[in-house]
Amino acid sequence: MRKKAYLTFALCLLLVFSLVACEKDYIKIEAVRLRANSYLVISQDDLSHQIGDLVTISFPAKLDQPPVGSLAQISLSQEIRESYPPQADAKAVELIDEKALVVTDPNVAEKIAWHLGENVFLIDVRTEAEYIEGHISGSLLMPVEVIADRIVDEIPDRDAVLLLYCRSGNRSATAGKMVRELGYSLVIDAGGIIKYEGKLITGSDPGAMP
């Protein structure tokens, strides 16, 4: 009887160690799907920081990707391939929020615009005077007071990626809420331009996209 108990205990330990070992084979991150296989990493642990802000994730045929604009917890293989963005393989996925509220900063927003290239818009929701004084290259001016009236005509595609910024983050949050209510699938609050590390351009011309 005692031998049976020892054997059961040993098997339980083996199972636990096996589970722990399997767990170490994966990296878990929380990320928002931007488009196709492009994801914005929003989790704030050491492993996520090693991957960076953006990651390209390949999914096996048996594993469905989360919807565009959704937040998910994704288990990745530990083999992260170096590139920009880095590339990884998904092993499991768990949907957290189908319509995630995404907040980042203008530096990451610029990286997203550069990476995605097409159908992505940087939008400055400050006043015209603030915009002329200095704005991020490529950004369109749509003050928070008029964005709900203008955006449908100027950017009719509800699947476009919208990156909104202001001076400190208050107006971009307000504008983001209004735009999401109009049915746009991916609206990112890029916060305040006061955190931008790049060079601003002056005048009314938007300038080139990143």
Foldseek 3Di string as FASTA:
>chain_A
DVVVVVVVVVVVVVVVVVVVVVVVQWDKFKWAAADDQKTATDDDDPVSVVQPGIEGEDEDPVADDQDHQFIKIWIWGPDWDDDVNIYTYTDHIGTDGNHDAAEAAVVVLLVVCVVVVPLEAEEEQEDQVVVQAWDAARHHYHHLVCCLVPVCVVRVDLAGAYEYEYAAQPSLVSSQVSSVVVRRRHYYRNGHPVPPPDGTDHHDDRHDRD
